[in-house]
Amino acid sequence: MTDGSVAIIQAADLQYKSGAVFHPYRQDSNFLWLTGWNEGDAVAVIQKTGSMLGDYIFHLFVKPKDAREEQWSGYRNGVQAAEDVFNADEARSIDSFGAMLPQILESSRIVYTDIHPHKTPTNAALAKLFSSQGPRPSTTALQPVINKLRVIKSPAEVANMRRAGQISGRAITEAMKRVWTKEKDLHAFLDYEFTINGCDGPAYIPVVAGGERANCIHYTVNNNTFKDGEFILVDAGGEYGTYITDITRTWPVSGKFTPAQRDLYEAVLKVQRTGVALCRQSANMSLDDIHRITARGLVEQLKPLGFDVSLSTIDQLFPHHVGHYIGLDVHDCPGYGRREALKRGHCVTIEPGVYVPDDERWPRHFRGMGVRIEDSICVDDESPLVLSTEAVKEIADIEALR
């Protein structure tokens, strides 16, 4: 941000499932990262006052303490804590935001914000200001600015993600040891294991898919049954200290691979190992580069298995990108390019998959199989740090669990 600019960030609203039934509160990731504040009905304003690093004023507008409302809805930090605990330079009630904003913006030339006008008091104040006559600052998107700050993870952030990966990986390995007949039971087991072992809870609704349902990339109904001879595909992870892990493992319902299952799984695993090894700064690779290498690798692995596939048609079996950034969000830093060279502190997934429709185009013994193998990885200088290593993925290790 330049001298004379202002950033305005709004806290997330409480989301409702139905009627008066609300979801657990989840703060906007940018707001949480910048402020640490984990309550709704709040706005942060960062006012750049000079060219030096510390030349700024941090304003925080929050809900004030209210004994009666807190009796119903729980404890609030309040205005004073916004200064004393959360280090705001100036803290005020959210009710004063509309009156104070014009004063803050009086000498501003540019406003960074991603707030769009709709029917909330916060956005109404912004809409009124920017629709008024007379001189007013120009606006530009804040997300690209924050992406550059958030995409490189600090050691503390990596430690949280490593802990999430450790707990989640152990839970998935524990699940592989057991015999499952229902997707919903395995779903419930994973949620329980994540939470009881120290995670805040699941990071996202998991994919727990048996057989051909694994070919639906975001299958989350999780209400069918497993049949012997099929694969189980689980895409799941826990959240620790609001940081997530993202893991996918595929294993046979029986615990033992058939020859066809072994061939297809090993093809995906070989390519996944290659992708993981490239997650180091010294490789000078982007996620897009790794995706292209993955696509070529899958073609090379699948042709000897009887698949009539080429680089131009591999997306029929591998329709998604090989990876994405992770952090506070499962798809972290939205809009940050996958063509950027990976640097130390980037945290990403590597998740090749092959999804074979029950279709005459493909070899009969592979039809209906879906295999994906995914790890969460932190990029380092010379080697990747695999954050989810506790989730076993070698065939011998999976079969040894039962």
Protein backbone atom coordinates (compact mmCIF):
# COMPACT_ATOMS: atom_id res chain seq x y z
CA MET A 1 0.00 0.00 0.00
CA THR A 2 1.17 3.49 -0.81
CA ASP A 3 1.12 6.63 1.33
CA GLY A 4 -2.42 8.01 1.52
CA SER A 5 -4.14 4.68 0.90
CA VAL A 6 -6.65 2.85 3.08
CA ALA A 7 -7.63 -0.83 3.30
CA ILE A 8 -11.14 -1.74 4.48
CA ILE A 9 -11.89 -5.34 5.48
CA GLN A 10 -15.19 -6.67 6.79
CA ALA A 11 -15.68 -9.60 9.17
CA ALA A 12 -17.75 -12.54 7.97
CA ASP A 13 -21.47 -12.62 8.67
CA LEU A 14 -23.06 -15.44 10.64
CA GLN A 15 -24.44 -17.96 8.13
CA TYR A 16 -27.77 -19.70 8.65
CA LYS A 17 -28.59 -23.29 7.78
CA SER A 18 -32.36 -22.87 7.99
CA GLY A 19 -34.61 -20.40 9.77
CA ALA A 20 -33.01 -19.55 13.12
CA VAL A 21 -30.56 -22.48 12.96
CA PHE A 22 -27.07 -21.12 12.32
CA HIS A 23 -23.79 -22.71 11.28
CA PRO A 24 -20.73 -22.50 13.57
CA TYR A 25 -19.17 -19.08 13.04
CA ARG A 26 -16.21 -18.95 10.65
CA GLN A 27 -14.32 -15.69 10.32
CA ASP A 28 -13.34 -14.31 6.92
CA SER A 29 -9.80 -15.60 6.40
CA ASN A 30 -8.30 -12.27 5.36
CA PHE A 31 -9.90 -10.53 8.35
CA LEU A 32 -8.67 -13.21 10.75
CA TRP A 33 -5.14 -13.18 9.32
CA LEU A 34 -4.86 -9.39 9.60
CA THR A 35 -6.54 -8.86 12.97
CA GLY A 36 -6.91 -12.11 14.94
CA TRP A 37 -10.50 -11.01 15.68
CA ASN A 38 -12.93 -13.93 15.60
CA GLU A 39 -16.31 -12.22 15.96
CA GLY A 40 -18.78 -10.96 13.39
CA ASP A 41 -20.17 -7.43 12.94
CA ALA A 42 -16.70 -5.91 12.72
CA VAL A 43 -14.71 -3.83 10.25
CA ALA A 44 -10.96 -3.22 10.14
CA VAL A 45 -9.57 -0.09 8.51
CA ILE A 46 -5.82 0.21 7.93
CA GLN A 47 -4.82 3.77 7.12
CA LYS A 48 -1.36 4.30 5.57
CA THR A 49 -0.05 7.62 6.83
CA GLY A 50 3.51 7.70 5.50
CA SER A 51 6.17 5.91 3.50
CA MET A 52 7.86 4.09 6.39
CA LEU A 53 6.98 0.53 7.44
CA GLY A 54 5.26 1.56 10.69
CA ASP A 55 3.42 4.56 9.28
CA TYR A 56 -0.17 3.39 9.62
CA ILE A 57 -3.22 3.60 11.88
CA PHE A 58 -5.15 0.41 12.59
CA HIS A 59 -8.84 1.13 13.25
CA LEU A 60 -11.12 -1.64 14.50
CA PHE A 61 -14.90 -1.23 14.67
CA VAL A 62 -16.54 -3.97 16.75
CA LYS A 63 -19.66 -4.82 18.72
CA PRO A 64 -19.48 -3.30 22.22
CA LYS A 65 -19.96 -5.31 25.39
CA ASP A 66 -23.63 -5.90 26.19
CA ALA A 67 -24.54 -8.04 29.20
CA ARG A 68 -28.04 -8.86 28.01
CA GLU A 69 -27.02 -9.89 24.50
CA GLU A 70 -24.05 -11.84 25.84
CA GLN A 71 -26.42 -13.81 28.09
CA TRP A 72 -28.07 -15.15 24.93
CA SER A 73 -25.27 -15.26 22.36
CA GLY A 74 -22.07 -15.65 24.36
CA TYR A 75 -19.07 -13.63 25.44
CA ARG A 76 -17.88 -10.65 23.41
CA ASN A 77 -14.42 -9.13 23.42
CA GLY A 78 -15.72 -5.56 23.27
CA VAL A 79 -14.18 -2.26 22.23
CA GLN A 80 -11.54 -2.00 24.97
CA ALA A 81 -10.15 -5.46 24.21
CA ALA A 82 -9.81 -4.47 20.56
CA GLU A 83 -7.12 -2.03 21.71
CA ASP A 84 -5.66 -3.86 24.72
CA VAL A 85 -5.53 -7.39 23.29
CA PHE A 86 -5.79 -7.04 19.52
CA ASN A 87 -3.53 -3.98 19.25
CA ALA A 88 -5.88 -1.63 17.42
CA ASP A 89 -4.60 1.95 17.47
CA GLU A 90 -8.18 3.19 17.59
CA ALA A 91 -11.20 1.04 18.46
CA ARG A 92 -14.85 2.06 18.34
CA SER A 93 -18.31 0.57 18.28
CA ILE A 94 -19.41 -0.77 14.92
CA ASP A 95 -22.38 1.58 15.22
CA SER A 96 -20.05 4.53 14.63
CA PHE A 97 -18.54 3.16 11.42
CA GLY A 98 -20.81 5.07 9.06
CA ALA A 99 -20.07 8.39 10.76
CA MET A 100 -16.32 7.83 11.13
CA LEU A 101 -15.53 6.46 7.68
CA PRO A 102 -15.78 9.79 5.79
CA GLN A 103 -13.36 11.35 8.30
CA ILE A 104 -10.85 8.52 7.86
CA LEU A 105 -11.06 8.75 4.09
CA GLU A 106 -10.86 12.55 3.96
CA SER A 107 -7.21 12.61 2.88
CA SER A 108 -7.13 9.22 1.14
CA ARG A 109 -6.36 8.84 -2.54
CA ILE A 110 -7.08 5.14 -2.96
CA VAL A 111 -9.15 2.56 -1.07
CA TYR A 112 -8.34 -1.15 -1.15
CA THR A 113 -11.45 -3.20 -0.45
CA ASP A 114 -13.39 -6.25 -1.58
CA ILE A 115 -16.62 -5.17 0.11
CA HIS A 116 -19.53 -5.01 -2.32
CA PRO A 117 -22.68 -3.01 -1.52
CA HIS A 118 -25.58 -5.03 -0.19
CA LYS A 119 -28.01 -4.69 2.67
CA THR A 120 -25.77 -4.49 5.72
CA PRO A 121 -24.96 -1.32 7.67
CA THR A 122 -21.26 -1.67 6.84
CA ASN A 123 -21.75 -1.96 3.13
CA ALA A 124 -24.50 0.66 3.12
CA ALA A 125 -22.02 3.17 4.57
CA LEU A 126 -19.52 2.37 1.83
CA ALA A 127 -22.15 2.46 -0.89
CA LYS A 128 -23.36 5.86 0.30
CA LEU A 129 -19.83 7.23 0.39
CA PHE A 130 -18.82 6.03 -3.06
CA SER A 131 -22.08 7.06 -4.71
CA SER A 132 -21.97 10.59 -3.32
CA GLN A 133 -21.14 13.63 -5.44
CA GLY A 134 -17.81 15.38 -5.24
CA PRO A 135 -14.21 14.18 -4.89
CA ARG A 136 -13.77 10.67 -3.55
CA PRO A 137 -10.93 8.15 -3.53
CA SER A 138 -10.62 5.53 -6.23
CA THR A 139 -11.11 1.89 -5.25
CA THR A 140 -9.17 -1.23 -6.12
CA ALA A 141 -9.31 -4.90 -5.12
CA LEU A 142 -7.67 -5.82 -1.83
CA GLN A 143 -7.46 -9.60 -2.41
CA PRO A 144 -4.40 -9.52 -4.73
CA VAL A 145 -2.49 -7.44 -2.16
CA ILE A 146 -3.32 -9.80 0.72
CA ASN A 147 -2.59 -12.86 -1.43
CA LYS A 148 1.04 -11.80 -1.78
CA LEU A 149 1.31 -11.52 2.00
CA ARG A 150 -0.59 -14.69 2.92
CA VAL A 151 0.74 -17.11 0.31
CA ILE A 152 4.18 -17.40 1.98
CA LYS A 153 3.58 -19.13 5.30
CA SER A 154 5.47 -18.30 8.49
CA PRO A 155 7.06 -21.05 10.62
CA ALA A 156 4.13 -20.75 13.05
CA GLU A 157 1.61 -21.24 10.25
CA VAL A 158 3.52 -24.25 8.91
CA ALA A 159 3.60 -25.73 12.43
CA ASN A 160 -0.21 -25.53 12.63
CA MET A 161 -0.56 -27.14 9.21
CA ARG A 162 1.91 -29.86 10.13
CA ARG A 163 -0.09 -30.64 13.26
CA ALA A 164 -3.32 -30.74 11.25
CA GLY A 165 -1.65 -33.09 8.77
CA GLN A 166 -0.26 -35.32 11.50
CA ILE A 167 -3.60 -35.74 13.28
CA SER A 168 -5.54 -36.18 10.04
CA GLY A 169 -3.02 -38.57 8.51
CA ARG A 170 -3.13 -40.80 11.57
CA ALA A 171 -6.95 -40.79 11.49
CA ILE A 172 -7.02 -41.86 7.84
CA THR A 173 -4.46 -44.61 8.46
CA GLU A 174 -6.54 -45.78 11.42
CA ALA A 175 -9.58 -45.89 9.13
CA MET A 176 -7.71 -48.12 6.66
CA LYS A 177 -7.24 -50.71 9.41
CA ARG A 178 -10.98 -51.23 9.78
CA VAL A 179 -13.70 -52.87 7.73
CA TRP A 180 -16.39 -50.46 6.55
CA THR A 181 -19.81 -51.12 5.05
CA LYS A 182 -21.32 -47.62 5.04
CA GLU A 183 -19.89 -44.35 3.75
CA LYS A 184 -21.65 -42.35 6.47
CA ASP A 185 -20.01 -44.44 9.22
CA LEU A 186 -16.54 -43.77 7.82
CA HIS A 187 -17.42 -40.07 7.47
CA ALA A 188 -18.48 -39.91 11.13
CA PHE A 189 -15.37 -41.81 12.26
CA LEU A 190 -13.03 -39.34 10.54
CA ASP A 191 -14.81 -36.29 11.98
CA TYR A 192 -14.60 -37.85 15.44
CA GLU A 193 -10.93 -38.82 15.13
CA PHE A 194 -9.93 -35.36 13.91
CA THR A 195 -11.66 -33.68 16.84
CA ILE A 196 -10.83 -36.10 19.67
CA ASN A 197 -7.14 -35.97 18.77
CA GLY A 198 -6.79 -32.21 18.86
CA CYS A 199 -8.11 -30.64 15.67
CA ASP A 200 -10.75 -27.91 15.82
CA GLY A 201 -12.84 -30.23 13.66
CA PRO A 202 -13.03 -31.19 9.98
CA ALA A 203 -11.63 -28.63 7.56
CA TYR A 204 -14.32 -29.35 4.97
CA ILE A 205 -17.07 -31.83 4.12
CA PRO A 206 -15.15 -34.98 3.20
CA VAL A 207 -15.48 -37.12 0.12
CA VAL A 208 -16.15 -40.69 1.25
CA ALA A 209 -16.84 -42.57 -1.96
CA GLY A 210 -17.12 -46.25 -2.74
CA GLY A 211 -16.63 -47.74 -6.19
CA GLU A 212 -17.75 -45.69 -9.19
CA ARG A 213 -18.87 -42.81 -6.94
CA ALA A 214 -15.19 -41.89 -6.63
CA ASN A 215 -15.44 -40.65 -10.22
CA CYS A 216 -17.50 -37.72 -8.94
CA ILE A 217 -14.71 -35.38 -7.84
CA HIS A 218 -16.75 -33.59 -5.16
CA TYR A 219 -19.02 -36.44 -4.07
CA THR A 220 -20.05 -35.49 -0.53
CA VAL A 221 -23.44 -37.17 -0.08
CA ASN A 222 -21.63 -40.07 1.63
CA ASN A 223 -24.78 -42.14 2.05
CA ASN A 224 -24.13 -45.33 0.10
CA THR A 225 -22.52 -48.67 0.92
CA PHE A 226 -19.15 -50.24 0.11
CA LYS A 227 -18.94 -53.48 -1.83
CA ASP A 228 -16.13 -56.00 -1.77
CA GLY A 229 -13.87 -55.65 -4.81
CA GLU A 230 -14.27 -51.85 -4.90
CA PHE A 231 -12.02 -49.00 -3.91
CA ILE A 232 -12.75 -46.57 -1.08
CA LEU A 233 -11.68 -43.00 -1.88
CA VAL A 234 -11.46 -40.57 1.05
CA ASP A 235 -10.66 -36.87 0.62
CA ALA A 236 -10.62 -35.42 4.14
CA GLY A 237 -8.63 -33.33 6.56
CA GLY A 238 -8.81 -31.56 9.87
CA GLU A 239 -8.34 -27.95 10.89
CA TYR A 240 -5.86 -26.97 13.61
CA GLY A 241 -5.61 -23.40 14.87
CA THR A 242 -7.80 -22.46 11.87
CA TYR A 243 -5.21 -23.88 9.43
CA ILE A 244 -6.19 -26.87 7.30
CA THR A 245 -4.78 -30.00 5.77
CA ASP A 246 -6.08 -31.66 2.60
CA ILE A 247 -5.45 -35.39 2.12
CA THR A 248 -6.80 -38.01 -0.27
CA ARG A 249 -6.20 -41.72 0.04
CA THR A 250 -7.62 -44.64 -1.95
CA TRP A 251 -7.62 -48.23 -0.71
CA PRO A 252 -9.49 -51.50 -1.37
CA VAL A 253 -12.60 -52.29 0.64
CA SER A 254 -11.07 -55.70 1.40
CA GLY A 255 -7.72 -54.25 2.42
CA LYS A 256 -5.98 -56.23 -0.34
CA PHE A 257 -5.43 -54.99 -3.90
CA THR A 258 -6.65 -57.00 -6.88
CA PRO A 259 -4.19 -57.10 -9.81
CA ALA A 260 -6.16 -54.41 -11.68
CA GLN A 261 -6.45 -52.22 -8.59
CA ARG A 262 -2.73 -52.60 -7.98
CA ASP A 263 -1.84 -51.58 -11.55
CA LEU A 264 -4.02 -48.47 -11.62
CA TYR A 265 -3.07 -47.39 -8.11
CA GLU A 266 0.65 -47.81 -8.76
CA ALA A 267 0.35 -45.74 -11.95
CA VAL A 268 -1.14 -42.81 -10.01
CA LEU A 269 1.28 -43.23 -7.10
CA LYS A 270 4.37 -43.07 -9.33
CA VAL A 271 3.18 -39.80 -10.84
CA GLN A 272 2.25 -38.40 -7.43
CA ARG A 273 5.71 -39.14 -6.05
CA THR A 274 7.25 -37.21 -8.96
CA GLY A 275 4.99 -34.21 -8.34
CA VAL A 276 5.77 -34.14 -4.62
CA ALA A 277 9.52 -34.25 -5.29
CA LEU A 278 9.23 -31.12 -7.46
CA CYS A 279 7.79 -29.04 -4.59
CA ARG A 280 11.09 -27.32 -3.81
CA GLN A 281 12.31 -23.86 -4.64
CA SER A 282 15.44 -25.20 -6.37
CA ALA A 283 13.27 -26.96 -8.99
CA ASN A 284 11.97 -23.56 -10.19
CA MET A 285 8.58 -25.10 -10.93
CA SER A 286 5.07 -23.69 -10.72
CA LEU A 287 1.91 -25.69 -10.03
CA ASP A 288 1.08 -25.31 -13.73
CA ASP A 289 4.49 -26.80 -14.61
CA ILE A 290 3.90 -29.72 -12.25
CA HIS A 291 0.43 -30.21 -13.74
CA ARG A 292 1.89 -30.55 -17.24
CA ILE A 293 4.49 -33.04 -15.99
CA THR A 294 1.73 -34.96 -14.19
CA ALA A 295 -0.42 -35.16 -17.33
CA ARG A 296 2.51 -36.51 -19.35
CA GLY A 297 3.35 -38.96 -16.59
CA LEU A 298 -0.19 -40.33 -16.45
CA VAL A 299 -0.22 -40.86 -20.21
CA GLU A 300 3.07 -42.76 -19.97
CA GLN A 301 1.79 -44.91 -17.09
CA LEU A 302 -1.66 -45.65 -18.54
CA LYS A 303 -0.70 -46.63 -22.08
CA PRO A 304 1.01 -49.90 -21.04
CA LEU A 305 -2.17 -50.75 -19.11
CA GLY A 306 -4.20 -50.64 -22.32
CA PHE A 307 -5.58 -47.10 -22.16
CA ASP A 308 -5.86 -45.39 -25.55
CA VAL A 309 -4.98 -41.95 -24.22
CA SER A 310 -2.80 -39.00 -25.21
CA LEU A 311 -1.96 -35.55 -23.86
CA SER A 312 -4.92 -34.14 -25.78
CA THR A 313 -7.36 -36.63 -24.23
CA ILE A 314 -5.96 -37.24 -20.74
CA ASP A 315 -8.44 -34.74 -19.29
CA GLN A 316 -11.15 -37.34 -19.91
CA LEU A 317 -9.55 -39.38 -17.13
CA PHE A 318 -7.81 -36.59 -15.18
CA PRO A 319 -10.15 -33.56 -15.39
CA HIS A 320 -8.81 -31.39 -12.56
CA HIS A 321 -5.61 -29.50 -11.78
CA VAL A 322 -2.85 -31.33 -9.94
CA GLY A 323 -2.80 -28.91 -7.02
CA HIS A 324 -3.79 -25.72 -5.26
CA TYR A 325 -2.56 -23.49 -2.44
CA ILE A 326 -3.62 -24.31 1.12
CA GLY A 327 -3.55 -22.43 4.43
CA LEU A 328 -6.44 -20.86 6.30
CA ASP A 329 -8.63 -22.00 3.40
CA VAL A 330 -8.72 -25.29 1.53
CA HIS A 331 -8.25 -23.31 -1.69
CA ASP A 332 -6.11 -20.58 -0.19
CA CYS A 333 -5.37 -17.12 -1.60
CA PRO A 334 -8.06 -17.22 -4.35
CA GLY A 335 -6.81 -15.62 -7.53
CA TYR A 336 -3.11 -16.16 -6.81
CA GLY A 337 -1.68 -17.63 -10.00
CA ARG A 338 -0.69 -21.27 -10.30
CA ARG A 339 1.86 -20.13 -12.89
CA GLU A 340 3.99 -18.51 -10.14
CA ALA A 341 7.22 -20.38 -9.36
CA LEU A 342 6.98 -22.20 -6.04
CA LYS A 343 9.02 -20.60 -3.27
CA ARG A 344 9.98 -21.57 0.24
CA GLY A 345 6.91 -21.17 2.45
CA HIS A 346 4.34 -21.90 -0.26
CA CYS A 347 1.98 -24.64 0.91
CA VAL A 348 0.24 -26.67 -1.77
CA THR A 349 -1.43 -29.97 -2.57
CA ILE A 350 -0.28 -32.52 -5.12
CA GLU A 351 -3.23 -34.71 -6.09
CA PRO A 352 -3.15 -36.61 -9.39
CA GLY A 353 -6.13 -38.83 -10.06
CA VAL A 354 -7.51 -41.22 -12.64
CA TYR A 355 -11.28 -41.65 -12.90
CA VAL A 356 -12.37 -44.40 -15.28
CA PRO A 357 -16.02 -44.27 -16.40
CA ASP A 358 -17.91 -47.50 -16.95
CA ASP A 359 -17.49 -47.01 -20.68
CA GLU A 360 -16.37 -49.23 -23.58
CA ARG A 361 -13.60 -46.77 -24.48
CA TRP A 362 -11.53 -48.01 -21.53
CA PRO A 363 -10.08 -51.40 -20.56
CA ARG A 364 -12.81 -53.55 -19.00
CA HIS A 365 -11.03 -54.47 -15.76
CA PHE A 366 -10.46 -50.78 -14.84
CA ARG A 367 -13.97 -49.51 -15.56
CA GLY A 368 -15.68 -47.79 -12.65
CA MET A 369 -12.46 -47.28 -10.69
CA GLY A 370 -11.48 -43.90 -9.28
CA VAL A 371 -8.04 -43.34 -7.72
CA ARG A 372 -6.69 -40.11 -6.27
CA ILE A 373 -3.65 -39.69 -4.02
CA GLU A 374 -3.16 -36.30 -2.39
CA ASP A 375 -0.70 -34.86 0.09
CA SER A 376 -0.34 -31.44 1.67
CA ILE A 377 3.17 -30.08 1.17
CA CYS A 378 5.23 -27.10 2.31
CA VAL A 379 7.83 -26.00 -0.23
CA ASP A 380 11.40 -25.72 1.08
CA ASP A 381 14.68 -24.78 -0.60
CA GLU A 382 15.97 -28.22 -1.57
CA SER A 383 13.26 -30.68 -0.56
CA PRO A 384 9.53 -30.76 0.15
CA LEU A 385 8.12 -31.00 3.67
CA VAL A 386 5.20 -33.43 3.42
CA LEU A 387 2.66 -32.26 6.00
CA SER A 388 0.48 -35.39 5.74
CA THR A 389 3.08 -38.15 5.85
CA GLU A 390 1.24 -40.11 8.58
CA ALA A 391 -1.38 -41.16 6.01
CA VAL A 392 0.19 -44.26 4.47
CA LYS A 393 0.07 -44.62 0.69
CA GLU A 394 2.48 -47.38 -0.36
CA ILE A 395 0.67 -50.58 -1.36
CA ALA A 396 2.71 -52.74 1.02
CA ASP A 397 1.97 -50.40 3.93
CA ILE A 398 -1.78 -50.33 3.19
CA GLU A 399 -2.02 -54.12 2.94
CA ALA A 400 0.00 -54.57 6.15
CA LEU A 401 -2.65 -52.69 8.15
CA ARG A 402 -5.01 -55.70 8.19
